[in-house]
Structure formats: structure tokens, C-alpha cells
Protein backbone atom coordinates (compact mmCIF):
# COMPACT_ATOMS: atom_id res chain seq x y z
CA UNK A 1 -27.41 -22.47 1.26
CA UNK A 2 -27.01 -19.64 -1.26
CA UNK A 3 -23.44 -19.12 -1.92
CA UNK A 4 -22.55 -16.07 -2.31
CA UNK A 5 -21.08 -14.58 -5.42
CA UNK A 6 -17.56 -12.87 -5.47
CA UNK A 7 -18.42 -9.35 -5.24
CA UNK A 8 -20.59 -10.08 -1.94
CA UNK A 9 -17.56 -11.98 -0.48
CA UNK A 10 -15.56 -8.52 -1.64
CA UNK A 11 -17.74 -5.82 -1.39
CA UNK A 12 -16.07 -2.27 -2.34
CA UNK A 13 -16.66 -1.05 1.16
CA UNK A 14 -13.98 -3.42 2.18
CA UNK A 15 -11.67 -0.46 0.79
CA UNK A 16 -12.10 2.54 2.89
CA UNK A 17 -11.91 5.41 0.03
CA UNK A 18 -15.08 3.41 -1.57
CA UNK A 19 -16.45 2.89 1.82
CA UNK A 20 -16.80 6.85 2.50
CA UNK A 21 -18.52 6.93 -0.38
CA UNK A 22 -22.53 8.15 -0.09
CA UNK A 23 -24.97 4.86 -1.54
CA UNK A 24 -26.13 6.94 -4.48
CA UNK A 25 -22.41 7.28 -5.47
CA UNK A 26 -21.27 3.87 -5.06
CA UNK A 27 -24.71 2.64 -7.06
CA UNK A 28 -23.58 5.25 -10.07
CA UNK A 29 -19.99 3.54 -9.80
CA UNK A 30 -20.75 -0.27 -9.54
CA UNK A 31 -21.32 -1.02 -13.22
CA UNK A 32 -17.83 0.50 -13.55
CA UNK A 33 -15.92 -1.22 -10.70
CA UNK A 34 -14.21 -4.51 -11.58
CA UNK A 35 -13.45 -7.22 -9.13
CA UNK A 36 -9.49 -8.78 -9.89
CA UNK A 37 -7.43 -10.78 -8.15
CA UNK A 38 -3.39 -9.94 -7.70
CA UNK A 39 -0.69 -11.95 -8.11
CA UNK A 40 2.23 -11.28 -5.47
CA UNK A 41 5.01 -9.49 -7.70
CA UNK A 42 2.63 -8.75 -10.16
CA UNK A 43 3.65 -5.26 -11.91
CA UNK A 44 0.43 -2.88 -12.39
CA UNK A 45 2.20 -0.45 -13.96
CA UNK A 46 6.01 0.47 -14.44
CA UNK A 47 7.59 3.25 -14.69
CA UNK A 48 6.30 5.69 -17.60
CA UNK A 49 3.33 3.79 -18.79
CA UNK A 50 0.49 5.06 -19.42
CA UNK A 51 -1.97 4.04 -16.71
CA UNK A 52 -5.37 2.35 -18.28
CA UNK A 53 -6.90 2.08 -14.45
CA UNK A 54 -6.94 2.73 -11.03
CA UNK A 55 -6.65 0.51 -8.44
CA UNK A 56 -8.76 -0.03 -4.97
CA UNK A 57 -6.95 -2.55 -2.93
CA UNK A 58 -9.33 -4.68 -0.55
CA UNK A 59 -6.93 -7.50 1.36
CA UNK A 60 -3.74 -6.28 -0.72
CA UNK A 61 -0.35 -4.59 -0.36
CA UNK A 62 0.73 -2.92 -3.55
CA UNK A 63 4.10 -1.34 -2.92
CA UNK A 64 5.47 1.87 -5.33
CA UNK A 65 9.06 1.40 -6.22
CA UNK A 66 11.59 3.99 -7.59
CA UNK A 67 13.25 2.14 -9.72
CA UNK A 68 17.08 3.44 -10.73
CA UNK A 69 18.46 3.22 -14.73
CA UNK A 70 21.11 0.34 -13.76
CA UNK A 71 18.30 -1.14 -12.19
CA UNK A 72 17.93 -0.92 -8.25
CA UNK A 73 15.14 -0.50 -6.82
CA UNK A 74 13.96 1.93 -3.45
CA UNK A 75 10.27 1.41 -2.15
CA UNK A 76 8.47 5.19 -1.69
CA UNK A 77 5.54 4.00 -0.35
CA UNK A 78 2.98 0.94 0.29
CA UNK A 79 -0.64 1.15 -0.58
CA UNK A 80 -3.36 -1.53 1.17
CA UNK A 81 -7.38 -1.11 1.51
CA UNK A 82 -6.69 2.47 3.23
CA UNK A 83 -6.02 3.87 -0.70
CA UNK A 84 -5.90 3.20 -4.15
CA UNK A 85 -3.55 2.93 -7.13
CA UNK A 86 -3.32 5.43 -9.78
CA UNK A 87 -2.89 8.89 -8.20
CA UNK A 88 -1.42 10.57 -11.49
CA UNK A 89 -4.51 10.14 -13.01
CA UNK A 90 -6.00 12.75 -10.85
CA UNK A 91 -3.35 14.84 -10.80
CA UNK A 92 -2.52 15.78 -14.25
CA UNK A 93 -0.33 13.03 -15.76
CA UNK A 94 -1.40 9.64 -17.07
CA UNK A 95 1.93 8.34 -15.97
CA UNK A 96 4.68 8.16 -13.28
CA UNK A 97 8.23 7.14 -12.39
CA UNK A 98 7.68 4.53 -9.70
CA UNK A 99 6.64 1.18 -10.00
CA UNK A 100 3.75 -0.51 -8.85
CA UNK A 101 4.15 -4.01 -7.54
CA UNK A 102 1.71 -6.50 -5.24
CA UNK A 103 3.70 -6.80 -2.18
CA UNK A 104 1.02 -8.99 -0.62
CA UNK A 105 -1.97 -10.87 -2.38
CA UNK A 106 -5.69 -10.17 -2.92
CA UNK A 107 -8.56 -8.52 -4.35
CA UNK A 108 -8.95 -5.26 -5.29
CA UNK A 109 -11.66 -3.65 -7.72
CA UNK A 110 -10.30 -1.39 -11.01
CA UNK A 111 -11.76 1.46 -12.63
CA UNK A 112 -10.69 2.41 -16.01
CA UNK A 113 -8.66 5.72 -16.07
CA UNK A 114 -11.29 8.06 -17.78
CA UNK A 115 -13.92 6.88 -15.52
CA UNK A 116 -11.84 8.00 -12.37
CA UNK A 117 -11.03 11.47 -14.20
CA UNK A 118 -14.76 12.05 -15.32
CA UNK A 119 -15.93 11.35 -11.21
CA UNK A 120 -12.74 13.35 -10.05
CA UNK A 121 -13.27 16.68 -12.25
CA UNK A 122 -17.15 16.56 -11.71
CA UNK A 123 -16.17 17.93 -8.50
CA UNK A 124 -18.00 15.26 -6.03
CA UNK A 125 -17.42 14.18 -3.08
CA UNK A 126 -14.90 11.67 -4.61
CA UNK A 127 -12.68 14.22 -5.69
CA UNK A 128 -12.49 15.27 -1.96
CA UNK A 129 -11.35 11.62 -0.76
CA UNK A 130 -8.93 11.11 -2.89
CA UNK A 131 -7.32 14.11 -2.49
CA UNK A 132 -7.27 13.81 1.44
CA UNK A 133 -5.94 10.28 0.58
CA UNK A 134 -3.28 12.03 -1.80
CA UNK A 135 -2.06 14.18 1.38
CA UNK A 136 -1.82 10.98 3.41
CA UNK A 137 0.65 9.07 0.50
CA UNK A 138 2.41 12.23 0.04
CA UNK A 139 3.12 12.03 3.91
CA UNK A 140 4.29 8.35 3.57
CA UNK A 141 6.61 9.20 1.00
CA UNK A 142 8.45 11.94 2.47
CA UNK A 143 8.84 10.05 5.35
CA UNK A 144 10.36 7.06 4.12
CA UNK A 145 12.81 9.47 2.40
CA UNK A 146 13.83 10.79 5.83
CA UNK A 147 14.08 7.23 7.30
CA UNK A 148 15.71 5.54 4.23
CA UNK A 149 18.71 8.44 4.75
CA UNK A 150 18.72 8.74 8.54
CA UNK A 151 17.64 5.88 9.96
CA UNK A 152 19.06 2.76 11.14
CA UNK A 153 18.29 -0.77 9.03
CA UNK A 154 16.45 -2.66 12.04
CA UNK A 155 14.70 0.28 12.54
CA UNK A 156 13.40 0.69 8.99
CA UNK A 157 12.67 -2.97 8.81
CA UNK A 158 10.35 -2.26 11.69
CA UNK A 159 8.48 0.62 10.36
CA UNK A 160 8.16 -0.87 7.18
CA UNK A 161 6.40 -4.22 8.69
CA UNK A 162 4.31 -1.74 10.98
CA UNK A 163 2.93 -0.03 7.81
CA UNK A 164 2.11 -4.01 6.25
CA UNK A 165 0.59 -5.49 9.47
CA UNK A 166 -1.93 -2.33 9.24
CA UNK A 167 -2.76 -3.26 6.13
CA UNK A 168 -3.26 -7.04 6.61
CA UNK A 169 -5.45 -9.32 8.48
CA UNK A 170 -3.09 -11.11 10.55
CA UNK A 171 0.52 -10.75 11.83
CA UNK A 172 2.00 -12.40 9.22
CA UNK A 173 3.85 -11.04 5.75
CA UNK A 174 4.88 -13.56 3.29
CA UNK A 175 7.77 -12.31 1.91
CA UNK A 176 11.55 -13.42 0.84
CA UNK A 177 14.76 -11.47 2.06
CA UNK A 178 15.69 -10.35 -1.19
CA UNK A 179 12.01 -9.02 -1.88
CA UNK A 180 12.35 -6.96 1.69
CA UNK A 181 16.20 -5.66 0.52
CA UNK A 182 14.56 -4.96 -2.87
CA UNK A 183 11.47 -2.74 -1.14
CA UNK A 184 14.29 -1.13 1.01
CA UNK A 185 16.82 -0.48 -1.35
CA UNK A 186 18.88 -2.36 0.95
CA UNK A 187 21.34 -5.58 -0.05
CA UNK A 188 19.94 -9.13 1.24
CA UNK A 189 23.14 -8.99 3.83
CA UNK A 190 21.52 -5.99 5.31
CA UNK A 191 18.40 -7.36 5.37
CA UNK A 192 19.70 -10.29 6.57
CA UNK A 193 21.02 -9.02 9.94
CA UNK A 194 18.51 -6.94 10.73
CA UNK A 195 16.10 -9.65 10.56
CA UNK A 196 18.46 -11.62 12.64
CA UNK A 197 19.01 -8.80 15.84
CA UNK A 198 14.82 -8.30 15.70
CA UNK A 199 14.57 -12.24 15.71
CA UNK A 200 17.40 -12.29 18.81
CA UNK A 201 15.03 -10.22 20.22
CA UNK A 202 12.19 -12.17 20.46
CA UNK A 203 10.36 -9.62 18.45
CA UNK A 204 9.92 -11.81 15.11
CA UNK A 205 9.74 -15.13 13.57
CA UNK A 206 11.75 -14.95 9.78
CA UNK A 207 11.64 -18.96 8.37
CA UNK A 208 11.26 -19.50 4.68
CA UNK A 209 9.89 -16.40 3.41
CA UNK A 210 7.77 -15.50 6.15
CA UNK A 211 7.72 -12.97 8.82
CA UNK A 212 5.36 -13.96 11.80
CA UNK A 213 5.76 -10.38 14.23
CA UNK A 214 5.49 -12.03 18.04
CA UNK A 215 5.49 -8.70 19.79
CA UNK A 216 3.68 -5.77 17.94
CA UNK A 217 4.27 -3.60 20.86
CA UNK A 218 8.24 -4.33 20.62
CA UNK A 219 7.98 -3.76 17.37
CA UNK A 220 6.63 -0.54 17.94
CA UNK A 221 8.58 0.27 20.29
CA UNK A 222 12.13 -0.67 18.04
CA UNK A 223 10.74 1.74 15.32
CA UNK A 224 11.78 5.18 14.89
CA UNK A 225 9.65 7.84 14.86
CA UNK A 226 8.62 7.77 11.10
CA UNK A 227 5.56 4.95 11.57
CA UNK A 228 3.99 7.20 14.21
CA UNK A 229 3.85 9.98 11.76
CA UNK A 230 2.68 8.43 8.99
CA UNK A 231 -0.13 6.83 11.34
CA UNK A 232 -1.16 9.76 12.72
CA UNK A 233 -1.64 11.25 9.09
CA UNK A 234 -3.27 8.64 8.32
CA UNK A 235 -5.64 8.43 11.27
CA UNK A 236 -6.23 12.24 10.49
CA UNK A 237 -6.63 12.04 6.88
CA UNK A 238 -8.56 8.73 6.74
CA UNK A 239 -11.15 6.86 7.00
CA UNK A 240 -12.65 9.41 5.77
CA UNK A 241 -16.86 10.73 5.92
CA UNK A 242 -18.53 12.81 3.12
């Protein structure tokens, strides 16, 4: 039996944005797309750092964090196989004030910054696709800010878990309470209290840095309206057809 190559195991079409491109567009980009493994905790870029590549996740999740001067951080959005990392590259900037860190390990395709910009400014299908994704991402950022300000910690945790599960192939999220706290801008004690509440309600099981969602409909019911707003906007804009 023929052994599949890495690119055959992980075709670009596993990413929703790349899947929306025509065969001709995919063929044109094929030689520039590089399949790379992304490790848990890997930083793709830091705040203020010039971006050298854009990333198109396949089966991993990347978290965008805003980092304060004192080192504390809070998540502003997560991106999985529905999108890409590197929006500032086609929005007129070479860097951003957020940090991009791998929340769940996996594979991604990366594209050199200049290649992405050349494709975008050519005005083809990729331009429209990227702008629609940017619109969905902005909605997520705005809703996350509102959620973190106005909703209880357990509802914030439910929103975060649901958004993560939408981008993962299973109901398991590998994440310590400390890392969850870093993502949500909360102390580990508050995260522990929230996970205890959800666990006692029979919605999740948390053990040794792994969250298993036992009752997704229950988690959705417990979550605030923020998850639904983001989900509906993603469904409206993505997946894309050109």
C-alpha cells in the first residue's frame, strides 16, 4: 500500500478559506504553501513583531491575546480551520498589538507575508475570502470584549469551550487551569471555581489538564448569548463559496 505524504494526509482544503478557492487559485498557491506542525504553547508572533508569514490552521487552534505592560494577558479571539492568522498583513500593517499562541497543537499551512499581500492586492477571490473572514473575526473580538466585561466567569468559560470545540475534532480540550486563566484574563482560583461549578452540574469533567465536555447542549444552554452571536456570524460568512 502506498504511504501517503504529509500533504496528502493534510490537504490545504482542510482549511475553510483555502477550500473556498478555485482549483486554479489553489494550484497557483501550491508551491508557496508550506505545511508546518504547530506545538502547544508555540508563539507564532509577539505583540509589535513584524509578521513574516500568515498561517492557515488545519486541525489546531491559535489564540490571539492582548498582553498588558505588566505581562498579564487576555484572549481576544481564537482561530481554527475556519480562518487564518495574519489579518494585519492585508489590512495595511506589518504587525499587531496581540500575541498569537498555539492553544491546541496540530498542523497548519503557512504562506510568506509578501505572497499573501501580492495575492490580496491582485483583487482576486482570495481578497474577498480574507475580507469576509476579517469581518467574522472582528465580530468575535467585539463580543469577547463585551462578554469579559458583563458575564459571569462560568458563562465566559462555556463560551470559550464551545468556540474551541467548534474548531476541534473531539469533545476534549487539553488546557491547564493556569492557561485557561491566561486566555480569559482570570486568576487560576476563579477558573477552578468555574470548572467546579460546571463539573458538579455534570456538564464537563476536568482532570489533569484536560477538559472533557460531557453535555454539549447543557453547556450551550449555560453559556451567555455571546457564543450564539459569534456562531451565527461565522455561519453567515463562512464557509465561503466563490
